[in-house]
């Protein structure tokens, strides 16, 4: 079973704001900040699955949606080439959140059974102020984006990872996302260069106990259109699973923020792989 967090990342969120977010997170029914549910790993560590869900910020529609990602940790690719998604984006949508989640779970059940994916592994780091298990209230999404962390301290018994570092970078894009860069990003030295035809991507680096990076787990060369011109990325949490007689597998959940219909949206990306 997933264990409690052992090491928590550095938090810069003021206590007053943290309290406000905690209160609104528990009652949120509006806004498009996804919540996530960890499903787990396959016994051999080759597959990882999680669900993210919420309600669309699409004007009159308050339609529920659910996406279940089943990922091959050896290739960091979706099983079947895409996630399992249940959504109705029409303005007349009547799909409730409960119905969407039930339908997605039914579609995912054969895949989860095929790979025997179950709740196993350990959460090894988390930024608790990302409220990953909650649909954060609409008015709090922008504040959540501003305070979310770009690095987490973690303790991986099998891998020796001390820190997970996220850096935002320019990457090629199937869409021109230059308008999504805000004033802060425009002045960021790491993001200097021609932004036309580019989008915000990210690099994910693992650092050892000596503080030195030893592996790049992800470095975007292109940003797919499905990310909807990201405005920022941040770290949410990480997981570790060590199959019997096999190397450890890690999963890092990254928050992706983008401009939605009424304001900022939040989605989760899972970056998977072997650290060594």
Foldseek 3Di string as FASTA:
>chain_A
DADDEDFEFDFPDDPVLLVVQVVQQVVAQDDFAWAKAWFAAFLQRQKGKIKIWHFANQPQGRAIKMWMFIAGQAVRAGVVRGIQIDTDNDNPDPHHNVNRVVVSCVVCVVVCVVRVGGPDWYWWYFHVSLNRRTRTHNVCPVVSQVRFAQKGAGDDPQQQFGMKGKDKAKAAEPAQLLVLEDPVLCPDPRHDDDRGRIAIDMWIFTAHPVRHTDDTLDDHNYDYCVLVRFNDKHWGTKIWDDRVPHAIKMKTKMWTWHAHDVGIHIDIRIRIYGPD
